[in-house]
Amino acid sequence: MRPHAPGGLLFVALGLILVVAGYVWRGRVLRPLSAKRAQAAVIRDRSRNLLRSADTAIAGARRRAAHGEPAIVTVEDVTRVARQHYGYLSVKREEAAAALRQRYEAADCRADCMTDAFN
């Protein structure tokens, strides 16, 4: 057996190339391969951020409410939070109202909150 077989040397070189490539590309986010997937990702992020905005608006209204008073959460609160926290220049009232309705029901707000999202 030869001490430096070309197959083994090729195997080691390929392994080193993969290690260097992993080190160089570590932590980078790759762009989606298609415009359709990129658009789907944008829609997912927007809806997730609107739900988070609704959660934040509900929590803020509960903090502002006095003891024994219902918290009043408006659709405008959700759009304001989306504008301030996520940088959305415009949010349709229907989108914000849908997100607020969903989070309102999930957080069991009927007991201590009021909203205009159902109008």
N, C-alpha and C. Protein backbone atom coordinates (compact mmCIF):
# COMPACT_ATOMS: atom_id res chain seq x y z
N MET A 1 0.83 -1.18 0.00
CA MET A 1 0.00 0.00 0.00
C MET A 1 0.88 1.24 0.00
N ARG A 2 0.51 2.19 -0.86
CA ARG A 2 1.30 3.41 -0.95
C ARG A 2 0.91 4.35 0.17
N PRO A 3 1.84 5.12 0.71
CA PRO A 3 1.54 5.99 1.83
C PRO A 3 0.62 7.16 1.46
N HIS A 4 0.64 7.61 0.22
CA HIS A 4 -0.17 8.76 -0.19
C HIS A 4 -1.03 8.36 -1.38
N ALA A 5 -2.11 7.68 -1.11
CA ALA A 5 -3.00 7.26 -2.19
C ALA A 5 -3.77 8.48 -2.70
N PRO A 6 -3.94 8.65 -4.02
CA PRO A 6 -4.62 9.83 -4.55
C PRO A 6 -6.09 9.91 -4.13
N GLY A 7 -6.75 8.79 -3.91
CA GLY A 7 -8.15 8.82 -3.47
C GLY A 7 -8.29 9.40 -2.07
N GLY A 8 -7.41 9.02 -1.19
CA GLY A 8 -7.44 9.55 0.17
C GLY A 8 -7.11 11.02 0.22
N LEU A 9 -6.13 11.43 -0.59
CA LEU A 9 -5.75 12.84 -0.64
C LEU A 9 -6.90 13.67 -1.21
N LEU A 10 -7.59 13.15 -2.21
CA LEU A 10 -8.74 13.85 -2.79
C LEU A 10 -9.87 13.96 -1.76
N PHE A 11 -10.08 12.90 -1.00
CA PHE A 11 -11.11 12.90 0.04
C PHE A 11 -10.82 13.95 1.11
N VAL A 12 -9.60 14.05 1.55
CA VAL A 12 -9.21 15.04 2.56
C VAL A 12 -9.34 16.45 2.00
N ALA A 13 -8.95 16.66 0.75
CA ALA A 13 -9.04 17.98 0.13
C ALA A 13 -10.50 18.42 0.00
N LEU A 14 -11.37 17.49 -0.39
CA LEU A 14 -12.80 17.81 -0.49
C LEU A 14 -13.37 18.17 0.89
N GLY A 15 -12.97 17.45 1.90
CA GLY A 15 -13.41 17.76 3.25
C GLY A 15 -12.96 19.14 3.69
N LEU A 16 -11.72 19.51 3.39
CA LEU A 16 -11.22 20.85 3.75
C LEU A 16 -11.97 21.94 2.99
N ILE A 17 -12.29 21.69 1.74
CA ILE A 17 -13.06 22.67 0.96
C ILE A 17 -14.43 22.87 1.58
N LEU A 18 -15.08 21.79 1.99
CA LEU A 18 -16.40 21.91 2.62
C LEU A 18 -16.32 22.65 3.96
N VAL A 19 -15.27 22.42 4.73
CA VAL A 19 -15.10 23.12 6.00
C VAL A 19 -14.90 24.61 5.76
N VAL A 20 -14.09 24.97 4.78
CA VAL A 20 -13.85 26.39 4.47
C VAL A 20 -15.13 27.04 3.96
N ALA A 21 -15.88 26.34 3.10
CA ALA A 21 -17.13 26.90 2.59
C ALA A 21 -18.13 27.10 3.73
N GLY A 22 -18.21 26.17 4.65
CA GLY A 22 -19.10 26.33 5.80
C GLY A 22 -18.69 27.49 6.67
N TYR A 23 -17.39 27.71 6.82
CA TYR A 23 -16.92 28.83 7.62
C TYR A 23 -17.23 30.16 6.96
N VAL A 24 -17.07 30.23 5.65
CA VAL A 24 -17.31 31.47 4.92
C VAL A 24 -18.79 31.82 4.90
N TRP A 25 -19.68 30.85 4.66
CA TRP A 25 -21.10 31.11 4.51
C TRP A 25 -21.89 30.93 5.81
N ARG A 26 -21.21 30.76 6.91
CA ARG A 26 -21.87 30.53 8.19
C ARG A 26 -22.73 31.73 8.58
N GLY A 27 -23.99 31.47 8.92
CA GLY A 27 -24.86 32.51 9.43
C GLY A 27 -25.52 33.39 8.39
N ARG A 28 -25.22 33.22 7.13
CA ARG A 28 -25.84 34.04 6.11
C ARG A 28 -27.18 33.46 5.71
N VAL A 29 -28.10 34.34 5.46
CA VAL A 29 -29.42 33.91 5.00
C VAL A 29 -29.41 33.93 3.48
N LEU A 30 -29.81 32.82 2.91
CA LEU A 30 -29.87 32.76 1.46
C LEU A 30 -31.19 33.29 0.97
N ARG A 31 -31.17 33.93 -0.17
CA ARG A 31 -32.40 34.43 -0.76
C ARG A 31 -33.23 33.26 -1.27
N PRO A 32 -34.53 33.40 -1.23
CA PRO A 32 -35.35 32.34 -1.80
C PRO A 32 -35.05 32.16 -3.28
N LEU A 33 -35.26 30.97 -3.77
CA LEU A 33 -34.91 30.68 -5.15
C LEU A 33 -35.90 31.25 -6.15
N SER A 34 -37.10 31.54 -5.72
CA SER A 34 -38.08 32.04 -6.67
C SER A 34 -38.78 33.27 -6.10
N ALA A 35 -39.31 34.07 -7.00
CA ALA A 35 -40.04 35.26 -6.58
C ALA A 35 -41.32 34.88 -5.85
N LYS A 36 -41.90 33.77 -6.23
CA LYS A 36 -43.13 33.30 -5.58
C LYS A 36 -42.89 32.97 -4.11
N ARG A 37 -41.77 32.29 -3.83
CA ARG A 37 -41.43 31.96 -2.44
C ARG A 37 -41.10 33.22 -1.66
N ALA A 38 -40.43 34.18 -2.30
CA ALA A 38 -40.11 35.44 -1.62
C ALA A 38 -41.38 36.20 -1.26
N GLN A 39 -42.34 36.23 -2.17
CA GLN A 39 -43.60 36.92 -1.90
C GLN A 39 -44.36 36.23 -0.78
N ALA A 40 -44.35 34.90 -0.76
CA ALA A 40 -45.01 34.16 0.31
C ALA A 40 -44.37 34.46 1.66
N ALA A 41 -43.05 34.60 1.68
CA ALA A 41 -42.35 34.92 2.92
C ALA A 41 -42.72 36.32 3.41
N VAL A 42 -42.86 37.26 2.50
CA VAL A 42 -43.24 38.63 2.88
C VAL A 42 -44.65 38.64 3.46
N ILE A 43 -45.55 37.91 2.85
CA ILE A 43 -46.94 37.85 3.35
C ILE A 43 -46.97 37.21 4.73
N ARG A 44 -46.20 36.13 4.92
CA ARG A 44 -46.15 35.47 6.23
C ARG A 44 -45.60 36.41 7.29
N ASP A 45 -44.53 37.12 6.97
CA ASP A 45 -43.93 38.04 7.94
C ASP A 45 -44.90 39.17 8.29
N ARG A 46 -45.59 39.69 7.30
CA ARG A 46 -46.52 40.79 7.55
C ARG A 46 -47.66 40.34 8.47
N SER A 47 -48.24 39.18 8.18
CA SER A 47 -49.34 38.73 9.03
C SER A 47 -48.86 38.41 10.44
N ARG A 48 -47.67 37.83 10.57
CA ARG A 48 -47.11 37.55 11.89
C ARG A 48 -46.85 38.84 12.65
N ASN A 49 -46.34 39.85 11.97
CA ASN A 49 -46.07 41.12 12.63
C ASN A 49 -47.36 41.84 13.01
N LEU A 50 -48.41 41.70 12.21
CA LEU A 50 -49.69 42.30 12.59
C LEU A 50 -50.27 41.61 13.82
N LEU A 51 -50.11 40.30 13.91
CA LEU A 51 -50.58 39.59 15.11
C LEU A 51 -49.79 40.04 16.34
N ARG A 52 -48.51 40.22 16.18
CA ARG A 52 -47.69 40.71 17.30
C ARG A 52 -48.08 42.13 17.68
N SER A 53 -48.41 42.94 16.67
CA SER A 53 -48.87 44.30 16.95
C SER A 53 -50.16 44.28 17.74
N ALA A 54 -51.06 43.37 17.39
CA ALA A 54 -52.32 43.25 18.13
C ALA A 54 -52.05 42.80 19.57
N ASP A 55 -51.15 41.86 19.76
CA ASP A 55 -50.79 41.44 21.12
C ASP A 55 -50.24 42.60 21.93
N THR A 56 -49.37 43.38 21.31
CA THR A 56 -48.77 44.53 21.99
C THR A 56 -49.83 45.57 22.32
N ALA A 57 -50.75 45.81 21.40
CA ALA A 57 -51.81 46.79 21.65
C ALA A 57 -52.72 46.33 22.78
N ILE A 58 -53.04 45.05 22.82
CA ILE A 58 -53.88 44.52 23.91
C ILE A 58 -53.16 44.65 25.25
N ALA A 59 -51.89 44.30 25.28
CA ALA A 59 -51.13 44.40 26.52
C ALA A 59 -51.03 45.86 26.98
N GLY A 60 -50.82 46.77 26.05
CA GLY A 60 -50.75 48.19 26.41
C GLY A 60 -52.07 48.71 26.94
N ALA A 61 -53.16 48.29 26.33
CA ALA A 61 -54.48 48.73 26.80
C ALA A 61 -54.78 48.18 28.18
N ARG A 62 -54.37 46.96 28.42
CA ARG A 62 -54.58 46.38 29.77
C ARG A 62 -53.75 47.10 30.82
N ARG A 63 -52.56 47.53 30.46
CA ARG A 63 -51.72 48.27 31.41
C ARG A 63 -52.32 49.65 31.71
N ARG A 64 -52.89 50.28 30.67
CA ARG A 64 -53.45 51.62 30.84
C ARG A 64 -54.78 51.63 31.58
N ALA A 65 -55.49 50.53 31.55
CA ALA A 65 -56.82 50.49 32.17
C ALA A 65 -56.69 50.50 33.70
N ALA A 66 -57.59 51.25 34.31
CA ALA A 66 -57.62 51.29 35.77
C ALA A 66 -58.21 49.99 36.30
N HIS A 67 -58.00 49.73 37.57
CA HIS A 67 -58.50 48.51 38.19
C HIS A 67 -60.03 48.48 38.12
N GLY A 68 -60.57 47.41 37.59
CA GLY A 68 -62.01 47.25 37.48
C GLY A 68 -62.60 47.80 36.19
N GLU A 69 -61.83 48.54 35.40
CA GLU A 69 -62.30 49.07 34.13
C GLU A 69 -61.92 48.12 33.00
N PRO A 70 -62.72 48.07 31.95
CA PRO A 70 -62.32 47.26 30.80
C PRO A 70 -61.24 47.98 29.99
N ALA A 71 -60.34 47.21 29.43
CA ALA A 71 -59.32 47.77 28.56
C ALA A 71 -59.95 48.03 27.19
N ILE A 72 -59.66 49.19 26.63
CA ILE A 72 -60.22 49.55 25.32
C ILE A 72 -59.10 49.46 24.29
N VAL A 73 -59.26 48.53 23.35
CA VAL A 73 -58.27 48.31 22.30
C VAL A 73 -58.92 48.65 20.97
N THR A 74 -58.32 49.55 20.23
CA THR A 74 -58.88 49.94 18.94
C THR A 74 -58.01 49.43 17.80
N VAL A 75 -58.58 49.42 16.63
CA VAL A 75 -57.84 49.04 15.42
C VAL A 75 -56.73 50.05 15.18
N GLU A 76 -56.97 51.30 15.51
CA GLU A 76 -55.95 52.33 15.35
C GLU A 76 -54.74 52.04 16.24
N ASP A 77 -54.95 51.48 17.42
CA ASP A 77 -53.83 51.09 18.28
C ASP A 77 -52.95 50.06 17.58
N VAL A 78 -53.57 49.11 16.92
CA VAL A 78 -52.82 48.07 16.21
C VAL A 78 -52.02 48.67 15.06
N THR A 79 -52.65 49.56 14.28
CA THR A 79 -51.93 50.19 13.17
C THR A 79 -50.80 51.08 13.67
N ARG A 80 -51.02 51.75 14.79
CA ARG A 80 -49.96 52.59 15.36
C ARG A 80 -48.76 51.75 15.79
N VAL A 81 -49.03 50.62 16.46
CA VAL A 81 -47.94 49.74 16.89
C VAL A 81 -47.21 49.16 15.68
N ALA A 82 -47.97 48.76 14.65
CA ALA A 82 -47.35 48.22 13.44
C ALA A 82 -46.47 49.27 12.76
N ARG A 83 -46.91 50.51 12.79
CA ARG A 83 -46.13 51.59 12.19
C ARG A 83 -44.87 51.87 13.00
N GLN A 84 -44.99 51.92 14.32
CA GLN A 84 -43.86 52.26 15.17
C GLN A 84 -42.84 51.14 15.30
N HIS A 85 -43.32 49.91 15.51
CA HIS A 85 -42.42 48.81 15.80
C HIS A 85 -41.89 48.12 14.55
N TYR A 86 -42.72 48.02 13.52
CA TYR A 86 -42.35 47.25 12.34
C TYR A 86 -42.16 48.10 11.10
N GLY A 87 -42.40 49.40 11.18
CA GLY A 87 -42.12 50.30 10.07
C GLY A 87 -43.08 50.22 8.91
N TYR A 88 -44.28 49.70 9.11
CA TYR A 88 -45.26 49.65 8.03
C TYR A 88 -45.85 51.04 7.84
N LEU A 89 -45.71 51.57 6.65
CA LEU A 89 -46.22 52.91 6.37
C LEU A 89 -47.73 52.93 6.29
N SER A 90 -48.31 51.88 5.75
CA SER A 90 -49.77 51.83 5.69
C SER A 90 -50.24 50.41 5.97
N VAL A 91 -51.25 50.33 6.80
CA VAL A 91 -51.88 49.06 7.12
C VAL A 91 -53.37 49.25 6.89
N LYS A 92 -53.95 48.38 6.09
CA LYS A 92 -55.39 48.49 5.84
C LYS A 92 -56.15 48.19 7.12
N ARG A 93 -57.24 48.92 7.29
CA ARG A 93 -58.06 48.74 8.48
C ARG A 93 -58.56 47.30 8.60
N GLU A 94 -58.89 46.68 7.47
CA GLU A 94 -59.40 45.31 7.47
C GLU A 94 -58.34 44.33 7.97
N GLU A 95 -57.09 44.55 7.56
CA GLU A 95 -55.99 43.67 8.01
C GLU A 95 -55.79 43.79 9.52
N ALA A 96 -55.73 45.04 9.98
CA ALA A 96 -55.51 45.27 11.41
C ALA A 96 -56.68 44.74 12.24
N ALA A 97 -57.90 44.93 11.73
CA ALA A 97 -59.08 44.46 12.46
C ALA A 97 -59.10 42.93 12.52
N ALA A 98 -58.71 42.28 11.43
CA ALA A 98 -58.67 40.81 11.43
C ALA A 98 -57.65 40.29 12.43
N ALA A 99 -56.48 40.92 12.46
CA ALA A 99 -55.45 40.50 13.43
C ALA A 99 -55.92 40.74 14.85
N LEU A 100 -56.55 41.88 15.09
CA LEU A 100 -57.04 42.19 16.44
C LEU A 100 -58.15 41.22 16.86
N ARG A 101 -59.06 40.90 15.94
CA ARG A 101 -60.11 39.92 16.27
C ARG A 101 -59.52 38.58 16.65
N GLN A 102 -58.53 38.14 15.88
CA GLN A 102 -57.92 36.83 16.15
C GLN A 102 -57.23 36.81 17.51
N ARG A 103 -56.45 37.84 17.81
CA ARG A 103 -55.72 37.86 19.08
C ARG A 103 -56.65 38.17 20.25
N TYR A 104 -57.71 38.93 20.00
CA TYR A 104 -58.71 39.24 21.02
C TYR A 104 -59.37 37.95 21.52
N GLU A 105 -59.73 37.10 20.59
CA GLU A 105 -60.35 35.83 20.96
C GLU A 105 -59.35 34.86 21.57
N ALA A 106 -58.12 34.85 21.08
CA ALA A 106 -57.10 33.94 21.60
C ALA A 106 -56.69 34.32 23.02
N ALA A 107 -56.70 35.62 23.33
CA ALA A 107 -56.27 36.08 24.65
C ALA A 107 -57.43 36.14 25.64
N ASP A 108 -58.61 35.68 25.24
CA ASP A 108 -59.80 35.68 26.09
C ASP A 108 -60.07 37.08 26.66
N CYS A 109 -60.13 38.04 25.75
CA CYS A 109 -60.31 39.43 26.14
C CYS A 109 -61.76 39.81 26.42
N ARG A 110 -62.68 38.93 26.11
CA ARG A 110 -64.09 39.27 26.33
C ARG A 110 -64.37 39.60 27.79
N ALA A 111 -63.57 39.05 28.68
CA ALA A 111 -63.79 39.26 30.12
C ALA A 111 -63.38 40.66 30.57
N ASP A 112 -62.34 41.22 29.97
CA ASP A 112 -61.83 42.48 30.49
C ASP A 112 -61.47 43.51 29.42
N CYS A 113 -61.85 43.29 28.15
CA CYS A 113 -61.50 44.23 27.09
C CYS A 113 -62.71 44.60 26.25
N MET A 114 -62.58 45.73 25.54
CA MET A 114 -63.57 46.15 24.55
C MET A 114 -62.78 46.55 23.31
N THR A 115 -63.39 46.31 22.13
CA THR A 115 -62.71 46.64 20.89
C THR A 115 -63.70 47.07 19.82
N ASP A 116 -63.20 47.77 18.83
CA ASP A 116 -64.02 48.15 17.68
C ASP A 116 -63.72 47.29 16.46
N ALA A 117 -63.01 46.20 16.65
CA ALA A 117 -62.60 45.33 15.53
C ALA A 117 -63.75 44.52 14.97
N PHE A 118 -64.82 44.38 15.68
CA PHE A 118 -65.92 43.55 15.22
C PHE A 118 -66.98 44.34 14.46
N ASN A 119 -66.83 45.64 14.37
CA ASN A 119 -67.80 46.48 13.65
C ASN A 119 -67.57 46.40 12.16
